[in-house]
Amino acid sequence: MDILECSDRSTYAGSTRDLKRRVTQHNEEMGALYTRAPLLLRLLSVEEFENAADAFRRETQVQGWGRTKLSRLFVDDSSNGTD
């Protein structure tokens, strides 16, 4: 299950078996309709699950969350020491 940030600062939750391929699809405007207009900027969070049903269940759960609650899951890339 992944959470992506779009260029309009909205978030998109999805799930896939191949994250790299899926992000590429989104950025080439071949992903979900939601991400075609506001292109993706970055990956915010990834959670791995043993099976697709569990990933989809989690995806459905977080889709109803606001940005404040979602931000607790975001990858903190500001502390890696690079700009």
PDB file of N, CA and C in Angstrom:
ATOM      1  N   MET A   1       0.859  -1.152   0.000  1.00  0.00           N
ATOM      2  CA  MET A   1       0.000   0.000   0.000  1.00  0.00           C
ATOM      3  C   MET A   1       0.906   1.215   0.000  1.00  0.00           C
ATOM      4  N   ASP A   2       0.604   2.154  -0.884  1.00  0.00           N
ATOM      5  CA  ASP A   2       1.451   3.329  -0.988  1.00  0.00           C
ATOM      6  C   ASP A   2       0.622   4.600  -0.910  1.00  0.00           C
ATOM      7  N   ILE A   3       1.255   5.651  -0.446  1.00  0.00           N
ATOM      8  CA  ILE A   3       0.646   6.972  -0.432  1.00  0.00           C
ATOM      9  C   ILE A   3       1.573   7.880  -1.224  1.00  0.00           C
ATOM     10  N   LEU A   4       1.009   8.539  -2.220  1.00  0.00           N
ATOM     11  CA  LEU A   4       1.768   9.403  -3.113  1.00  0.00           C
ATOM     12  C   LEU A   4       1.260  10.831  -2.984  1.00  0.00           C
ATOM     13  N   GLU A   5       2.150  11.785  -3.173  1.00  0.00           N
ATOM     14  CA  GLU A   5       1.752  13.185  -3.161  1.00  0.00           C
ATOM     15  C   GLU A   5       1.730  13.690  -4.597  1.00  0.00           C
ATOM     16  N   CYS A   6       0.651  14.364  -4.962  1.00  0.00           N
ATOM     17  CA  CYS A   6       0.500  14.921  -6.298  1.00  0.00           C
ATOM     18  C   CYS A   6       0.991  16.363  -6.323  1.00  0.00           C
ATOM     19  N   SER A   7       1.153  16.907  -7.532  1.00  0.00           N
ATOM     20  CA  SER A   7       1.667  18.264  -7.687  1.00  0.00           C
ATOM     21  C   SER A   7       0.763  19.313  -7.069  1.00  0.00           C
ATOM     22  N   ASP A   8      -0.513  18.997  -6.864  1.00  0.00           N
ATOM     23  CA  ASP A   8      -1.425  19.941  -6.216  1.00  0.00           C
ATOM     24  C   ASP A   8      -1.467  19.748  -4.695  1.00  0.00           C
ATOM     25  N   ARG A   9      -0.508  18.965  -4.163  1.00  0.00           N
ATOM     26  CA  ARG A   9      -0.349  18.656  -2.743  1.00  0.00           C
ATOM     27  C   ARG A   9      -1.438  17.721  -2.206  1.00  0.00           C
ATOM     28  N   SER A  10      -2.290  17.192  -3.058  1.00  0.00           N
ATOM     29  CA  SER A  10      -3.248  16.189  -2.621  1.00  0.00           C
ATOM     30  C   SER A  10      -2.506  14.857  -2.498  1.00  0.00           C
ATOM     31  N   THR A  11      -3.117  13.908  -1.833  1.00  0.00           N
ATOM     32  CA  THR A  11      -2.504  12.596  -1.670  1.00  0.00           C
ATOM     33  C   THR A  11      -3.348  11.538  -2.373  1.00  0.00           C
ATOM     34  N   TYR A  12      -2.678  10.471  -2.761  1.00  0.00           N
ATOM     35  CA  TYR A  12      -3.323   9.356  -3.446  1.00  0.00           C
ATOM     36  C   TYR A  12      -2.850   8.071  -2.792  1.00  0.00           C
ATOM     37  N   ALA A  13      -3.787   7.247  -2.331  1.00  0.00           N
ATOM     38  CA  ALA A  13      -3.450   5.945  -1.745  1.00  0.00           C
ATOM     39  C   ALA A  13      -3.800   4.861  -2.750  1.00  0.00           C
ATOM     40  N   GLY A  14      -2.901   3.905  -2.898  1.00  0.00           N
ATOM     41  CA  GLY A  14      -3.132   2.802  -3.812  1.00  0.00           C
ATOM     42  C   GLY A  14      -2.372   1.577  -3.356  1.00  0.00           C
ATOM     43  N   SER A  15      -2.532   0.510  -4.095  1.00  0.00           N
ATOM     44  CA  SER A  15      -1.770  -0.704  -3.774  1.00  0.00           C
ATOM     45  C   SER A  15      -1.390  -1.383  -5.082  1.00  0.00           C
ATOM     46  N   THR A  16      -0.248  -2.048  -5.051  1.00  0.00           N
ATOM     47  CA  THR A  16       0.286  -2.694  -6.240  1.00  0.00           C
ATOM     48  C   THR A  16       1.277  -3.775  -5.835  1.00  0.00           C
ATOM     49  N   ARG A  17       1.564  -4.670  -6.736  1.00  0.00           N
ATOM     50  CA  ARG A  17       2.598  -5.687  -6.514  1.00  0.00           C
ATOM     51  C   ARG A  17       3.968  -5.178  -6.960  1.00  0.00           C
ATOM     52  N   ASP A  18       3.979  -4.149  -7.815  1.00  0.00           N
ATOM     53  CA  ASP A  18       5.230  -3.623  -8.373  1.00  0.00           C
ATOM     54  C   ASP A  18       5.216  -2.098  -8.251  1.00  0.00           C
ATOM     55  N   LEU A  19       5.726  -1.593  -7.146  1.00  0.00           N
ATOM     56  CA  LEU A  19       5.654  -0.166  -6.841  1.00  0.00           C
ATOM     57  C   LEU A  19       6.388   0.689  -7.868  1.00  0.00           C
ATOM     58  N   LYS A  20       7.568   0.276  -8.267  1.00  0.00           N
ATOM     59  CA  LYS A  20       8.347   1.062  -9.226  1.00  0.00           C
ATOM     60  C   LYS A  20       7.574   1.219 -10.546  1.00  0.00           C
ATOM     61  N   ARG A  21       7.006   0.126 -11.034  1.00  0.00           N
ATOM     62  CA  ARG A  21       6.226   0.162 -12.270  1.00  0.00           C
ATOM     63  C   ARG A  21       5.013   1.065 -12.116  1.00  0.00           C
ATOM     64  N   ARG A  22       4.353   0.969 -10.988  1.00  0.00           N
ATOM     65  CA  ARG A  22       3.129   1.741 -10.755  1.00  0.00           C
ATOM     66  C   ARG A  22       3.414   3.244 -10.687  1.00  0.00           C
ATOM     67  N   VAL A  23       4.480   3.643 -10.003  1.00  0.00           N
ATOM     68  CA  VAL A  23       4.844   5.058  -9.937  1.00  0.00           C
ATOM     69  C   VAL A  23       5.176   5.571 -11.337  1.00  0.00           C
ATOM     70  N   THR A  24       5.898   4.766 -12.113  1.00  0.00           N
ATOM     71  CA  THR A  24       6.205   5.143 -13.495  1.00  0.00           C
ATOM     72  C   THR A  24       4.921   5.332 -14.293  1.00  0.00           C
ATOM     73  N   GLN A  25       3.969   4.428 -14.138  1.00  0.00           N
ATOM     74  CA  GLN A  25       2.685   4.552 -14.836  1.00  0.00           C
ATOM     75  C   GLN A  25       1.985   5.850 -14.461  1.00  0.00           C
ATOM     76  N   HIS A  26       1.956   6.162 -13.178  1.00  0.00           N
ATOM     77  CA  HIS A  26       1.314   7.401 -12.740  1.00  0.00           C
ATOM     78  C   HIS A  26       1.999   8.614 -13.379  1.00  0.00           C
ATOM     79  N   ASN A  27       3.309   8.638 -13.358  1.00  0.00           N
ATOM     80  CA  ASN A  27       4.046   9.783 -13.885  1.00  0.00           C
ATOM     81  C   ASN A  27       3.982   9.888 -15.407  1.00  0.00           C
ATOM     82  N   GLU A  28       3.651   8.808 -16.078  1.00  0.00           N
ATOM     83  CA  GLU A  28       3.471   8.834 -17.528  1.00  0.00           C
ATOM     84  C   GLU A  28       1.996   8.956 -17.897  1.00  0.00           C
ATOM     85  N   GLU A  29       1.177   9.357 -16.906  1.00  0.00           N
ATOM     86  CA  GLU A  29      -0.259   9.578 -17.079  1.00  0.00           C
ATOM     87  C   GLU A  29      -1.003   8.335 -17.548  1.00  0.00           C
ATOM     88  N   MET A  30      -0.544   7.163 -17.089  1.00  0.00           N
ATOM     89  CA  MET A  30      -1.213   5.910 -17.411  1.00  0.00           C
ATOM     90  C   MET A  30      -1.798   5.274 -16.151  1.00  0.00           C
ATOM     91  N   GLY A  31      -1.718   5.961 -15.024  1.00  0.00           N
ATOM     92  CA  GLY A  31      -2.225   5.424 -13.772  1.00  0.00           C
ATOM     93  C   GLY A  31      -3.697   5.751 -13.600  1.00  0.00           C
ATOM     94  N   ALA A  32      -4.112   5.841 -12.366  1.00  0.00           N
ATOM     95  CA  ALA A  32      -5.501   6.142 -12.036  1.00  0.00           C
ATOM     96  C   ALA A  32      -5.907   7.506 -12.593  1.00  0.00           C
ATOM     97  N   LEU A  33      -7.166   7.655 -12.927  1.00  0.00           N
ATOM     98  CA  LEU A  33      -7.671   8.936 -13.437  1.00  0.00           C
ATOM     99  C   LEU A  33      -7.345  10.082 -12.486  1.00  0.00           C
ATOM    100  N   TYR A  34      -7.408   9.833 -11.189  1.00  0.00           N
ATOM    101  CA  TYR A  34      -7.162  10.884 -10.207  1.00  0.00           C
ATOM    102  C   TYR A  34      -5.792  11.511 -10.355  1.00  0.00           C
ATOM    103  N   THR A  35      -4.799  10.728 -10.714  1.00  0.00           N
ATOM    104  CA  THR A  35      -3.421  11.243 -10.763  1.00  0.00           C
ATOM    105  C   THR A  35      -3.008  11.727 -12.149  1.00  0.00           C
ATOM    106  N   ARG A  36      -3.908  11.746 -13.094  1.00  0.00           N
ATOM    107  CA  ARG A  36      -3.521  12.171 -14.447  1.00  0.00           C
ATOM    108  C   ARG A  36      -3.385  13.682 -14.564  1.00  0.00           C
ATOM    109  N   ALA A  37      -4.257  14.446 -13.917  1.00  0.00           N
ATOM    110  CA  ALA A  37      -4.164  15.912 -14.010  1.00  0.00           C
ATOM    111  C   ALA A  37      -3.092  16.442 -13.062  1.00  0.00           C
ATOM    112  N   PRO A  38      -3.191  16.167 -11.763  1.00  0.00           N
ATOM    113  CA  PRO A  38      -2.099  16.601 -10.883  1.00  0.00           C
ATOM    114  C   PRO A  38      -1.033  15.511 -10.850  1.00  0.00           C
ATOM    115  N   LEU A  39       0.020  15.672 -11.605  1.00  0.00           N
ATOM    116  CA  LEU A  39       1.043  14.628 -11.672  1.00  0.00           C
ATOM    117  C   LEU A  39       1.675  14.371 -10.316  1.00  0.00           C
ATOM    118  N   LEU A  40       2.192  13.184 -10.153  1.00  0.00           N
ATOM    119  CA  LEU A  40       2.809  12.786  -8.894  1.00  0.00           C
ATOM    120  C   LEU A  40       4.151  13.471  -8.697  1.00  0.00           C
ATOM    121  N   LEU A  41       4.425  13.821  -7.469  1.00  0.00           N
ATOM    122  CA  LEU A  41       5.708  14.409  -7.128  1.00  0.00           C
ATOM    123  C   LEU A  41       6.597  13.427  -6.401  1.00  0.00           C
ATOM    124  N   ARG A  42       6.022  12.763  -5.386  1.00  0.00           N
ATOM    125  CA  ARG A  42       6.886  11.891  -4.597  1.00  0.00           C
ATOM    126  C   ARG A  42       6.091  10.843  -3.840  1.00  0.00           C
ATOM    127  N   LEU A  43       6.816   9.829  -3.461  1.00  0.00           N
ATOM    128  CA  LEU A  43       6.285   8.747  -2.647  1.00  0.00           C
ATOM    129  C   LEU A  43       6.381   9.179  -1.190  1.00  0.00           C
ATOM    130  N   LEU A  44       5.262   9.143  -0.482  1.00  0.00           N
ATOM    131  CA  LEU A  44       5.241   9.571   0.914  1.00  0.00           C
ATOM    132  C   LEU A  44       5.368   8.407   1.888  1.00  0.00           C
ATOM    133  N   SER A  45       4.761   7.282   1.558  1.00  0.00           N
ATOM    134  CA  SER A  45       4.734   6.166   2.507  1.00  0.00           C
ATOM    135  C   SER A  45       4.509   4.850   1.760  1.00  0.00           C
ATOM    136  N   VAL A  46       5.097   3.790   2.275  1.00  0.00           N
ATOM    137  CA  VAL A  46       4.892   2.442   1.737  1.00  0.00           C
ATOM    138  C   VAL A  46       4.707   1.494   2.900  1.00  0.00           C
ATOM    139  N   GLU A  47       3.722   0.624   2.793  1.00  0.00           N
ATOM    140  CA  GLU A  47       3.507  -0.447   3.767  1.00  0.00           C
ATOM    141  C   GLU A  47       3.385  -1.743   2.980  1.00  0.00           C
ATOM    142  N   GLU A  48       4.093  -2.775   3.403  1.00  0.00           N
ATOM    143  CA  GLU A  48       4.048  -4.063   2.723  1.00  0.00           C
ATOM    144  C   GLU A  48       3.126  -5.018   3.471  1.00  0.00           C
ATOM    145  N   PHE A  49       2.419  -5.857   2.704  1.00  0.00           N
ATOM    146  CA  PHE A  49       1.490  -6.829   3.264  1.00  0.00           C
ATOM    147  C   PHE A  49       1.723  -8.181   2.622  1.00  0.00           C
ATOM    148  N   GLU A  50       1.350  -9.230   3.322  1.00  0.00           N
ATOM    149  CA  GLU A  50       1.527 -10.597   2.827  1.00  0.00           C
ATOM    150  C   GLU A  50       0.622 -10.906   1.649  1.00  0.00           C
ATOM    151  N   ASN A  51      -0.556 -10.276   1.598  1.00  0.00           N
ATOM    152  CA  ASN A  51      -1.478 -10.579   0.506  1.00  0.00           C
ATOM    153  C   ASN A  51      -2.216  -9.316   0.051  1.00  0.00           C
ATOM    154  N   ALA A  52      -2.772  -9.390  -1.147  1.00  0.00           N
ATOM    155  CA  ALA A  52      -3.442  -8.242  -1.762  1.00  0.00           C
ATOM    156  C   ALA A  52      -4.670  -7.804  -0.970  1.00  0.00           C
ATOM    157  N   ALA A  53      -5.378  -8.741  -0.376  1.00  0.00           N
ATOM    158  CA  ALA A  53      -6.587  -8.386   0.380  1.00  0.00           C
ATOM    159  C   ALA A  53      -6.247  -7.492   1.567  1.00  0.00           C
ATOM    160  N   ASP A  54      -5.166  -7.799   2.276  1.00  0.00           N
ATOM    161  CA  ASP A  54      -4.759  -6.970   3.415  1.00  0.00           C
ATOM    162  C   ASP A  54      -4.312  -5.586   2.948  1.00  0.00           C
ATOM    163  N   ALA A  55      -3.591  -5.526   1.835  1.00  0.00           N
ATOM    164  CA  ALA A  55      -3.150  -4.234   1.296  1.00  0.00           C
ATOM    165  C   ALA A  55      -4.351  -3.390   0.887  1.00  0.00           C
ATOM    166  N   PHE A  56      -5.321  -4.006   0.217  1.00  0.00           N
ATOM    167  CA  PHE A  56      -6.505  -3.277  -0.209  1.00  0.00           C
ATOM    168  C   PHE A  56      -7.311  -2.788   0.998  1.00  0.00           C
ATOM    169  N   ARG A  57      -7.401  -3.611   2.022  1.00  0.00           N
ATOM    170  CA  ARG A  57      -8.112  -3.223   3.245  1.00  0.00           C
ATOM    171  C   ARG A  57      -7.464  -1.980   3.858  1.00  0.00           C
ATOM    172  N   ARG A  58      -6.135  -1.964   3.916  1.00  0.00           N
ATOM    173  CA  ARG A  58      -5.413  -0.817   4.469  1.00  0.00           C
ATOM    174  C   ARG A  58      -5.570   0.413   3.569  1.00  0.00           C
ATOM    175  N   GLU A  59      -5.494   0.208   2.262  1.00  0.00           N
ATOM    176  CA  GLU A  59      -5.688   1.303   1.306  1.00  0.00           C
ATOM    177  C   GLU A  59      -7.052   1.964   1.532  1.00  0.00           C
ATOM    178  N   THR A  60      -8.091   1.145   1.640  1.00  0.00           N
ATOM    179  CA  THR A  60      -9.439   1.659   1.864  1.00  0.00           C
ATOM    180  C   THR A  60      -9.521   2.431   3.176  1.00  0.00           C
ATOM    181  N   GLN A  61      -8.837   1.941   4.201  1.00  0.00           N
ATOM    182  CA  GLN A  61      -8.837   2.604   5.504  1.00  0.00           C
ATOM    183  C   GLN A  61      -8.225   4.002   5.412  1.00  0.00           C
ATOM    184  N   VAL A  62      -7.053   4.121   4.823  1.00  0.00           N
ATOM    185  CA  VAL A  62      -6.360   5.410   4.817  1.00  0.00           C
ATOM    186  C   VAL A  62      -6.951   6.397   3.819  1.00  0.00           C
ATOM    187  N   GLN A  63      -7.698   5.921   2.830  1.00  0.00           N
ATOM    188  CA  GLN A  63      -8.312   6.839   1.870  1.00  0.00           C
ATOM    189  C   GLN A  63      -9.291   7.792   2.538  1.00  0.00           C
ATOM    190  N   GLY A  64      -9.833   7.412   3.661  1.00  0.00           N
ATOM    191  CA  GLY A  64     -10.768   8.275   4.364  1.00  0.00           C
ATOM    192  C   GLY A  64     -10.112   9.235   5.347  1.00  0.00           C
ATOM    193  N   TRP A  65      -8.806   9.167   5.485  1.00  0.00           N
ATOM    194  CA  TRP A  65      -8.090  10.008   6.434  1.00  0.00           C
ATOM    195  C   TRP A  65      -7.759  11.364   5.818  1.00  0.00           C
ATOM    196  N   GLY A  66      -7.704  12.389   6.641  1.00  0.00           N
ATOM    197  CA  GLY A  66      -7.247  13.701   6.212  1.00  0.00           C
ATOM    198  C   GLY A  66      -5.728  13.750   6.195  1.00  0.00           C
ATOM    199  N   ARG A  67      -5.176  14.823   5.648  1.00  0.00           N
ATOM    200  CA  ARG A  67      -3.723  14.943   5.508  1.00  0.00           C
ATOM    201  C   ARG A  67      -3.007  14.913   6.856  1.00  0.00           C
ATOM    202  N   THR A  68      -3.594  15.507   7.884  1.00  0.00           N
ATOM    203  CA  THR A  68      -2.950  15.532   9.198  1.00  0.00           C
ATOM    204  C   THR A  68      -2.750  14.112   9.721  1.00  0.00           C
ATOM    205  N   LYS A  69      -3.786  13.307   9.647  1.00  0.00           N
ATOM    206  CA  LYS A  69      -3.674  11.925  10.113  1.00  0.00           C
ATOM    207  C   LYS A  69      -2.740  11.125   9.207  1.00  0.00           C
ATOM    208  N   LEU A  70      -2.842  11.335   7.900  1.00  0.00           N
ATOM    209  CA  LEU A  70      -1.957  10.633   6.960  1.00  0.00           C
ATOM    210  C   LEU A  70      -0.496  10.975   7.197  1.00  0.00           C
ATOM    211  N   SER A  71      -0.224  12.212   7.605  1.00  0.00           N
ATOM    212  CA  SER A  71       1.166  12.653   7.746  1.00  0.00           C
ATOM    213  C   SER A  71       1.938  11.831   8.759  1.00  0.00           C
ATOM    214  N   ARG A  72       1.257  11.149   9.651  1.00  0.00           N
ATOM    215  CA  ARG A  72       1.947  10.273  10.602  1.00  0.00           C
ATOM    216  C   ARG A  72       2.585   9.072   9.913  1.00  0.00           C
ATOM    217  N   LEU A  73       2.139   8.767   8.702  1.00  0.00           N
ATOM    218  CA  LEU A  73       2.676   7.629   7.954  1.00  0.00           C
ATOM    219  C   LEU A  73       3.773   8.042   6.980  1.00  0.00           C
ATOM    220  N   PHE A  74       3.916   9.336   6.722  1.00  0.00           N
ATOM    221  CA  PHE A  74       4.814   9.807   5.670  1.00  0.00           C
ATOM    222  C   PHE A  74       6.268   9.510   5.978  1.00  0.00           C
ATOM    223  N   VAL A  75       7.004   9.186   4.942  1.00  0.00           N
ATOM    224  CA  VAL A  75       8.441   8.999   5.020  1.00  0.00           C
ATOM    225  C   VAL A  75       9.057  10.363   5.268  1.00  0.00           C
ATOM    226  N   ASP A  76       9.893  10.464   6.273  1.00  0.00           N
ATOM    227  CA  ASP A  76      10.541  11.740   6.576  1.00  0.00           C
ATOM    228  C   ASP A  76      11.875  11.785   5.853  1.00  0.00           C
ATOM    229  N   ASP A  77      11.874  12.413   4.668  1.00  0.00           N
ATOM    230  CA  ASP A  77      13.105  12.493   3.906  1.00  0.00           C
ATOM    231  C   ASP A  77      13.875  13.774   4.196  1.00  0.00           C
ATOM    232  N   SER A  78      13.394  14.593   5.111  1.00  0.00           N
ATOM    233  CA  SER A  78      14.074  15.854   5.426  1.00  0.00           C
ATOM    234  C   SER A  78      15.257  15.640   6.366  1.00  0.00           C
ATOM    235  N   SER A  79      15.374  14.466   6.954  1.00  0.00           N
ATOM    236  CA  SER A  79      16.430  14.230   7.924  1.00  0.00           C
ATOM    237  C   SER A  79      17.601  13.439   7.352  1.00  0.00           C
ATOM    238  N   ASN A  80      17.638  13.285   6.013  1.00  0.00           N
ATOM    239  CA  ASN A  80      18.697  12.464   5.433  1.00  0.00           C
ATOM    240  C   ASN A  80      19.976  13.225   5.177  1.00  0.00           C
ATOM    241  N   GLY A  81      20.004  14.539   5.464  1.00  0.00           N
ATOM    242  CA  GLY A  81      21.224  15.299   5.361  1.00  0.00           C
ATOM    243  C   GLY A  81      21.564  15.783   3.969  1.00  0.00           C
ATOM    244  N   THR A  82      20.662  15.583   2.996  1.00  0.00           N
ATOM    245  CA  THR A  82      20.922  16.065   1.652  1.00  0.00           C
ATOM    246  C   THR A  82      19.852  17.086   1.277  1.00  0.00           C
ATOM    247  N   ASP A  83      20.196  17.964   0.355  1.00  0.00           N
ATOM    248  CA  ASP A  83      19.239  18.966  -0.126  1.00  0.00           C
ATOM    249  C   ASP A  83      18.950  18.789  -1.586  1.00  0.00           C
TER     250      ASP A  83
END
